[in-house]
C-alpha atoms as a PDB file:
ATOM      1  CA  UNK A   1     115.580  83.320 124.814  1.00  0.00           C
ATOM      2  CA  UNK A   2     112.487  82.035 126.668  1.00  0.00           C
ATOM      3  CA  UNK A   3     108.735  82.225 125.264  1.00  0.00           C
ATOM      4  CA  UNK A   4     107.887  84.730 127.703  1.00  0.00           C
ATOM      5  CA  UNK A   5     110.645  86.819 126.869  1.00  0.00           C
ATOM      6  CA  UNK A   6     110.047  86.599 123.169  1.00  0.00           C
ATOM      7  CA  UNK A   7     106.387  87.446 123.854  1.00  0.00           C
ATOM      8  CA  UNK A   8     107.445  90.417 125.903  1.00  0.00           C
ATOM      9  CA  UNK A   9     109.848  91.639 123.185  1.00  0.00           C
ATOM     10  CA  UNK A  10     106.906  91.273 120.647  1.00  0.00           C
ATOM     11  CA  UNK A  11     104.622  93.613 122.683  1.00  0.00           C
ATOM     12  CA  UNK A  12     107.386  96.104 123.690  1.00  0.00           C
ATOM     13  CA  UNK A  13     109.036  96.299 119.952  1.00  0.00           C
ATOM     14  CA  UNK A  14     105.423  96.593 118.268  1.00  0.00           C
ATOM     15  CA  UNK A  15     104.370  99.392 120.553  1.00  0.00           C
ATOM     16  CA  UNK A  16     107.661 101.049 120.663  1.00  0.00           C
ATOM     17  CA  UNK A  17     107.676 101.334 116.829  1.00  0.00           C
ATOM     18  CA  UNK A  18     104.160 102.978 117.203  1.00  0.00           C
ATOM     19  CA  UNK A  19     105.454 105.347 119.719  1.00  0.00           C
ATOM     20  CA  UNK A  20     108.345 106.272 117.642  1.00  0.00           C
ATOM     21  CA  UNK A  21     106.147 106.896 114.741  1.00  0.00           C
ATOM     22  CA  UNK A  22     103.997 109.089 117.013  1.00  0.00           C
ATOM     23  CA  UNK A  23     107.148 110.960 118.083  1.00  0.00           C
ATOM     24  CA  UNK A  24     107.997 111.571 114.414  1.00  0.00           C
ATOM     25  CA  UNK A  25     104.872 113.363 113.919  1.00  0.00           C
ATOM     26  CA  UNK A  26     105.430 117.184 113.360  1.00  0.00           C
ATOM     27  CA  UNK A  27     103.921 119.433 115.998  1.00  0.00           C
ATOM     28  CA  UNK A  28     101.977 121.319 113.366  1.00  0.00           C
ATOM     29  CA  UNK A  29     100.706 118.270 111.661  1.00  0.00           C
ATOM     30  CA  UNK A  30      97.324 118.752 113.228  1.00  0.00           C
ATOM     31  CA  UNK A  31      96.689 122.034 111.770  1.00  0.00           C
ATOM     32  CA  UNK A  32      98.134 120.894 108.420  1.00  0.00           C
ATOM     33  CA  UNK A  33      96.131 117.761 108.398  1.00  0.00           C
ATOM     34  CA  UNK A  34      92.945 119.690 109.329  1.00  0.00           C
ATOM     35  CA  UNK A  35      93.307 121.844 106.321  1.00  0.00           C
ATOM     36  CA  UNK A  36      93.539 119.143 103.879  1.00  0.00           C
ATOM     37  CA  UNK A  37      90.618 118.048 101.810  1.00  0.00           C
ATOM     38  CA  UNK A  38      89.748 114.446 102.791  1.00  0.00           C
ATOM     39  CA  UNK A  39      87.658 111.707 101.190  1.00  0.00           C
ATOM     40  CA  UNK A  40      84.239 111.256 102.337  1.00  0.00           C
ATOM     41  CA  UNK A  41      85.229 107.940 104.130  1.00  0.00           C
ATOM     42  CA  UNK A  42      87.751 109.594 106.429  1.00  0.00           C
ATOM     43  CA  UNK A  43      87.070 108.387 109.968  1.00  0.00           C
ATOM     44  CA  UNK A  44      87.033 110.956 112.843  1.00  0.00           C
ATOM     45  CA  UNK A  45      90.424 111.800 114.300  1.00  0.00           C
ATOM     46  CA  UNK A  46      89.822 110.092 117.522  1.00  0.00           C
ATOM     47  CA  UNK A  47      89.168 106.696 115.684  1.00  0.00           C
ATOM     48  CA  UNK A  48      92.795 106.583 114.485  1.00  0.00           C
ATOM     49  CA  UNK A  49      94.253 106.189 117.817  1.00  0.00           C
ATOM     50  CA  UNK A  50      91.928 103.604 119.009  1.00  0.00           C
ATOM     51  CA  UNK A  51      92.210 101.556 115.968  1.00  0.00           C
ATOM     52  CA  UNK A  52      96.073 101.779 116.204  1.00  0.00           C
ATOM     53  CA  UNK A  53      96.076 100.636 119.615  1.00  0.00           C
ATOM     54  CA  UNK A  54      93.992  97.541 118.781  1.00  0.00           C
ATOM     55  CA  UNK A  55      96.075  96.733 115.676  1.00  0.00           C
ATOM     56  CA  UNK A  56      99.249  97.064 117.538  1.00  0.00           C
ATOM     57  CA  UNK A  57      97.979  94.468 119.950  1.00  0.00           C
ATOM     58  CA  UNK A  58      97.060  92.142 117.180  1.00  0.00           C
ATOM     59  CA  UNK A  59     100.270  92.424 115.530  1.00  0.00           C
ATOM     60  CA  UNK A  60     102.215  91.761 118.615  1.00  0.00           C
ATOM     61  CA  UNK A  61     100.004  88.501 119.338  1.00  0.00           C
ATOM     62  CA  UNK A  62     100.938  87.453 115.707  1.00  0.00           C
ATOM     63  CA  UNK A  63     104.431  88.082 116.280  1.00  0.00           C
ATOM     64  CA  UNK A  64     104.489  86.180 119.638  1.00  0.00           C
ATOM     65  CA  UNK A  65     102.596  83.176 118.122  1.00  0.00           C
ATOM     66  CA  UNK A  66     104.929  82.726 115.173  1.00  0.00           C
ATOM     67  CA  UNK A  67     108.211  83.571 117.096  1.00  0.00           C
ATOM     68  CA  UNK A  68     107.118  81.116 120.070  1.00  0.00           C
ATOM     69  CA  UNK A  69     105.902  78.220 117.665  1.00  0.00           C
ATOM     70  CA  UNK A  70     109.108  77.120 116.175  1.00  0.00           C
ATOM     71  CA  UNK A  71     111.690  79.835 117.240  1.00  0.00           C
ATOM     72  CA  UNK A  72     114.757  78.297 115.733  1.00  0.00           C
ATOM     73  CA  UNK A  73     113.508  77.388 112.283  1.00  0.00           C
ATOM     74  CA  UNK A  74     115.080  79.441 109.381  1.00  0.00           C
ATOM     75  CA  UNK A  75     111.575  80.274 107.976  1.00  0.00           C
ATOM     76  CA  UNK A  76     110.464  81.521 111.413  1.00  0.00           C
ATOM     77  CA  UNK A  77     113.581  83.542 112.020  1.00  0.00           C
ATOM     78  CA  UNK A  78     113.104  85.120 108.570  1.00  0.00           C
ATOM     79  CA  UNK A  79     109.659  85.843 109.120  1.00  0.00           C
ATOM     80  CA  UNK A  80     110.448  87.505 112.484  1.00  0.00           C
ATOM     81  CA  UNK A  81     113.218  89.658 110.863  1.00  0.00           C
ATOM     82  CA  UNK A  82     110.636  90.679 108.042  1.00  0.00           C
ATOM     83  CA  UNK A  83     108.065  91.496 110.828  1.00  0.00           C
ATOM     84  CA  UNK A  84     110.574  94.117 112.165  1.00  0.00           C
ATOM     85  CA  UNK A  85     111.121  95.440 108.593  1.00  0.00           C
ATOM     86  CA  UNK A  86     107.482  96.228 108.434  1.00  0.00           C
ATOM     87  CA  UNK A  87     107.667  98.048 111.703  1.00  0.00           C
ATOM     88  CA  UNK A  88     110.242 100.334 110.077  1.00  0.00           C
ATOM     89  CA  UNK A  89     107.780 100.981 107.213  1.00  0.00           C
ATOM     90  CA  UNK A  90     105.070 101.512 109.512  1.00  0.00           C
ATOM     91  CA  UNK A  91     106.848 104.400 111.229  1.00  0.00           C
ATOM     92  CA  UNK A  92     108.342 105.518 107.797  1.00  0.00           C
ATOM     93  CA  UNK A  93     104.914 106.200 106.605  1.00  0.00           C
ATOM     94  CA  UNK A  94     104.194 108.499 109.479  1.00  0.00           C
ATOM     95  CA  UNK A  95     107.344 110.343 108.927  1.00  0.00           C
ATOM     96  CA  UNK A  96     106.636 110.995 105.275  1.00  0.00           C
ATOM     97  CA  UNK A  97     102.922 111.899 105.627  1.00  0.00           C
ATOM     98  CA  UNK A  98     102.753 113.789 109.063  1.00  0.00           C
ATOM     99  CA  UNK A  99     106.204 115.238 109.429  1.00  0.00           C
ATOM    100  CA  UNK A 100     107.561 115.709 105.828  1.00  0.00           C
ATOM    101  CA  UNK A 101     103.990 116.173 104.405  1.00  0.00           C
ATOM    102  CA  UNK A 102     105.393 114.165 101.404  1.00  0.00           C
ATOM    103  CA  UNK A 103     102.137 112.670 100.609  1.00  0.00           C
ATOM    104  CA  UNK A 104     102.862 110.954  97.471  1.00  0.00           C
ATOM    105  CA  UNK A 105     106.139 109.229  98.984  1.00  0.00           C
ATOM    106  CA  UNK A 106     104.051 108.263 101.872  1.00  0.00           C
ATOM    107  CA  UNK A 107     101.590 106.462  99.401  1.00  0.00           C
ATOM    108  CA  UNK A 108     104.644 104.602  97.862  1.00  0.00           C
ATOM    109  CA  UNK A 109     105.642 103.610 101.466  1.00  0.00           C
ATOM    110  CA  UNK A 110     102.212 102.315 102.337  1.00  0.00           C
ATOM    111  CA  UNK A 111     102.139 100.339  99.090  1.00  0.00           C
ATOM    112  CA  UNK A 112     105.366  98.596 100.206  1.00  0.00           C
ATOM    113  CA  UNK A 113     104.032  98.195 103.742  1.00  0.00           C
ATOM    114  CA  UNK A 114     100.907  96.602 102.348  1.00  0.00           C
ATOM    115  CA  UNK A 115     103.060  94.000 100.329  1.00  0.00           C
ATOM    116  CA  UNK A 116     105.145  93.471 103.416  1.00  0.00           C
ATOM    117  CA  UNK A 117     102.209  92.614 105.502  1.00  0.00           C
ATOM    118  CA  UNK A 118     100.602  90.446 102.767  1.00  0.00           C
ATOM    119  CA  UNK A 119     103.865  88.544 102.689  1.00  0.00           C
ATOM    120  CA  UNK A 120     103.871  88.260 106.591  1.00  0.00           C
ATOM    121  CA  UNK A 121     100.190  86.806 106.290  1.00  0.00           C
ATOM    122  CA  UNK A 122     101.217  84.375 103.713  1.00  0.00           C
ATOM    123  CA  UNK A 123     104.371  83.148 105.763  1.00  0.00           C
ATOM    124  CA  UNK A 124     102.265  83.023 108.908  1.00  0.00           C
ATOM    125  CA  UNK A 125      99.852  80.676 107.489  1.00  0.00           C
ATOM    126  CA  UNK A 126     102.782  78.065 106.966  1.00  0.00           C
ATOM    127  CA  UNK A 127     103.596  78.495 110.626  1.00  0.00           C
ATOM    128  CA  UNK A 128     100.365  79.001 112.576  1.00  0.00           C
ATOM    129  CA  UNK A 129      97.073  80.263 110.808  1.00  0.00           C
ATOM    130  CA  UNK A 130      96.112  82.281 114.006  1.00  0.00           C
ATOM    131  CA  UNK A 131      98.859  84.696 113.405  1.00  0.00           C
ATOM    132  CA  UNK A 132      97.793  85.055 109.808  1.00  0.00           C
ATOM    133  CA  UNK A 133      94.388  85.897 110.949  1.00  0.00           C
ATOM    134  CA  UNK A 134      95.523  88.373 113.532  1.00  0.00           C
ATOM    135  CA  UNK A 135      97.365  90.354 110.767  1.00  0.00           C
ATOM    136  CA  UNK A 136      94.443  90.563 108.505  1.00  0.00           C
ATOM    137  CA  UNK A 137      92.861  93.489 109.957  1.00  0.00           C
ATOM    138  CA  UNK A 138      96.067  95.219 109.992  1.00  0.00           C
ATOM    139  CA  UNK A 139      96.390  94.679 106.171  1.00  0.00           C
ATOM    140  CA  UNK A 140      92.706  95.916 105.809  1.00  0.00           C
ATOM    141  CA  UNK A 141      93.483  99.108 107.595  1.00  0.00           C
ATOM    142  CA  UNK A 142      96.530  99.773 105.789  1.00  0.00           C
ATOM    143  CA  UNK A 143      94.701  99.384 102.487  1.00  0.00           C
ATOM    144  CA  UNK A 144      92.176 101.696 103.938  1.00  0.00           C
ATOM    145  CA  UNK A 145      94.889 104.189 104.833  1.00  0.00           C
ATOM    146  CA  UNK A 146      96.433 103.779 101.439  1.00  0.00           C
ATOM    147  CA  UNK A 147      92.992 104.812  99.736  1.00  0.00           C
ATOM    148  CA  UNK A 148      92.835 107.715 102.143  1.00  0.00           C
ATOM    149  CA  UNK A 149      96.632 108.619 101.367  1.00  0.00           C
ATOM    150  CA  UNK A 150      96.041 108.350  97.600  1.00  0.00           C
ATOM    151  CA  UNK A 151      93.024 110.504  97.649  1.00  0.00           C
ATOM    152  CA  UNK A 152      94.459 113.257  99.851  1.00  0.00           C
ATOM    153  CA  UNK A 153      97.363 113.334  97.364  1.00  0.00           C
ATOM    154  CA  UNK A 154      95.021 113.451  94.359  1.00  0.00           C
ATOM    155  CA  UNK A 155      92.603 116.065  95.786  1.00  0.00           C
ATOM    156  CA  UNK A 156      95.010 118.578  97.521  1.00  0.00           C
END
């Protein structure tokens, strides 16, 4: 596979995972979510879409950098596979939280997701530090989302 193809796959796969997560949101989720008591640090609803669009771009760039750096090395191949696993956890959190309203299970999923992202960051440092830096805002957002998720579970 050519570098341009890997880059295209990185962006298409990452944004597709986000779109699938969006499709998994229950149509009644907006009214359910608006009725929840939320922590004081909860951003406005409009901020979430904008942040995710930016984060997906950063994530896809990180995948592209790592995948194109040394695409056939076992370490890189494993990292790429693990990246796709984290996309599944990303979409699973949306399913648990917004479709099934299983807030505690969503919190457990986001803990796994944070661990996976941290592992990806550590692995990316070994390949190309730029990719690790690109994933750091994603980890920060997931940790923040975990804080929101935990507080929503505790106060509702």
